[in-house]
């Protein structure tokens, strides 16, 4: 599956400024997930991920010329997972976490209907 509107995307990344200074590094952490087409991450960054699939790597740029930042940023992105969003996720505007090891009738975890 390729990244498109209403897909849930899980990524890991390294964020650097124009001087190459690492500002954030999630490579060795759990992936960050967002609903593509929502406001989970900057739309300009989402546009540069459109069409990629799990396993792809890409350098993504956010330039000061866009007017969104005062300086340039580079994101080295790894796409970990792409899946279709549930209807509930589309309504909420963000992905739902399913990291509950065992969900039984008395738990308060999210249950898709």
Protein backbone atom coordinates (compact mmCIF):
# COMPACT_ATOMS: atom_id res chain seq x y z
CA UNK A 1 0.00 0.00 0.00
CA UNK A 2 1.25 3.49 -0.85
CA UNK A 3 0.85 6.64 1.24
CA UNK A 4 -2.31 8.47 0.23
CA UNK A 5 -5.12 10.42 1.86
CA UNK A 6 -6.73 8.54 4.74
CA UNK A 7 -3.88 6.11 5.25
CA UNK A 8 -2.22 5.68 8.62
CA UNK A 9 1.54 6.08 8.26
CA UNK A 10 4.19 5.07 10.79
CA UNK A 11 7.58 6.73 10.38
CA UNK A 12 10.91 7.11 12.10
CA UNK A 13 13.10 10.09 11.30
CA UNK A 14 16.11 12.24 12.01
CA UNK A 15 15.43 15.99 11.92
CA UNK A 16 18.38 18.29 11.18
CA UNK A 17 18.72 22.01 10.71
CA UNK A 18 20.49 23.51 7.69
CA UNK A 19 23.85 23.28 9.50
CA UNK A 20 23.41 19.51 9.95
CA UNK A 21 22.78 19.69 13.70
CA UNK A 22 20.48 16.85 14.80
CA UNK A 23 17.44 18.35 16.50
CA UNK A 24 15.38 15.19 16.91
CA UNK A 25 16.10 11.51 16.33
CA UNK A 26 13.41 8.81 16.52
CA UNK A 27 15.29 6.15 14.52
CA UNK A 28 15.85 3.87 17.52
CA UNK A 29 12.43 4.56 19.08
CA UNK A 30 8.92 3.40 18.32
CA UNK A 31 7.60 4.86 15.08
CA UNK A 32 5.48 8.01 15.06
CA UNK A 33 2.07 7.49 13.42
CA UNK A 34 -0.18 10.02 11.74
CA UNK A 35 -3.27 10.08 9.52
CA UNK A 36 -2.18 11.20 6.07
CA UNK A 37 -4.26 14.14 4.91
CA UNK A 38 -4.99 15.38 8.43
CA UNK A 39 -3.02 17.89 10.47
CA UNK A 40 -0.92 15.28 12.33
CA UNK A 41 2.23 16.56 10.66
CA UNK A 42 3.03 19.57 8.49
CA UNK A 43 1.10 19.30 5.16
CA UNK A 44 4.23 20.29 3.20
CA UNK A 45 6.04 17.30 4.71
CA UNK A 46 3.08 15.01 4.05
CA UNK A 47 3.08 16.01 0.39
CA UNK A 48 6.68 14.85 0.05
CA UNK A 49 5.79 11.43 1.52
CA UNK A 50 2.82 10.87 -0.81
CA UNK A 51 3.18 7.68 -2.85
CA UNK A 52 5.86 6.05 -0.69
CA UNK A 53 5.38 2.59 0.83
CA UNK A 54 6.63 0.63 3.84
CA UNK A 55 10.40 0.18 3.70
CA UNK A 56 11.02 3.34 1.66
CA UNK A 57 13.51 5.96 2.83
CA UNK A 58 13.52 9.58 1.76
CA UNK A 59 15.13 12.91 2.59
CA UNK A 60 12.29 15.39 3.10
CA UNK A 61 12.81 19.16 3.18
CA UNK A 62 11.01 21.99 4.91
CA UNK A 63 12.42 25.24 3.55
CA UNK A 64 12.22 28.70 5.08
CA UNK A 65 11.01 29.90 1.67
CA UNK A 66 7.72 28.14 2.42
CA UNK A 67 7.04 30.74 5.11
CA UNK A 68 6.34 28.01 7.66
CA UNK A 69 9.70 28.23 9.44
CA UNK A 70 12.54 30.68 9.90
CA UNK A 71 15.18 28.20 8.77
CA UNK A 72 15.57 25.11 6.60
CA UNK A 73 15.09 21.61 8.01
CA UNK A 74 15.94 18.19 6.62
CA UNK A 75 14.14 15.03 7.70
CA UNK A 76 15.66 11.63 6.92
CA UNK A 77 12.51 9.50 6.99
CA UNK A 78 11.98 5.74 7.08
CA UNK A 79 8.47 4.50 6.34
CA UNK A 80 7.71 1.63 8.73
CA UNK A 81 4.06 0.95 7.93
CA UNK A 82 1.24 2.17 5.72
CA UNK A 83 -2.30 0.92 6.22
CA UNK A 84 -5.82 2.00 5.41
CA UNK A 85 -7.36 4.12 8.15
CA UNK A 86 -10.41 2.89 9.99
CA UNK A 87 -13.55 4.99 9.58
CA UNK A 88 -13.24 5.99 13.25
CA UNK A 89 -9.69 7.25 12.67
CA UNK A 90 -10.84 9.34 9.72
CA UNK A 91 -13.60 10.87 11.86
CA UNK A 92 -11.19 11.54 14.74
CA UNK A 93 -8.47 12.89 12.46
CA UNK A 94 -5.71 10.78 14.01
CA UNK A 95 -4.68 7.13 14.32
CA UNK A 96 -5.83 4.99 17.19
CA UNK A 97 -3.21 3.02 19.12
CA UNK A 98 -3.69 -0.71 19.28
CA UNK A 99 -0.79 -1.55 21.60
CA UNK A 100 -2.94 -3.20 24.25
CA UNK A 101 -1.55 -6.75 24.64
CA UNK A 102 -4.84 -8.34 25.63
CA UNK A 103 -8.21 -6.66 25.37
CA UNK A 104 -11.12 -8.27 27.14
CA UNK A 105 -14.71 -7.22 27.75
CA UNK A 106 -13.88 -5.21 30.89
CA UNK A 107 -11.04 -3.11 29.43
CA UNK A 108 -11.40 0.45 28.21
CA UNK A 109 -9.30 0.09 25.04
CA UNK A 110 -10.57 1.14 21.67
CA UNK A 111 -12.76 -1.42 19.89
CA UNK A 112 -13.51 -1.05 16.19
CA UNK A 113 -17.12 -1.75 15.24
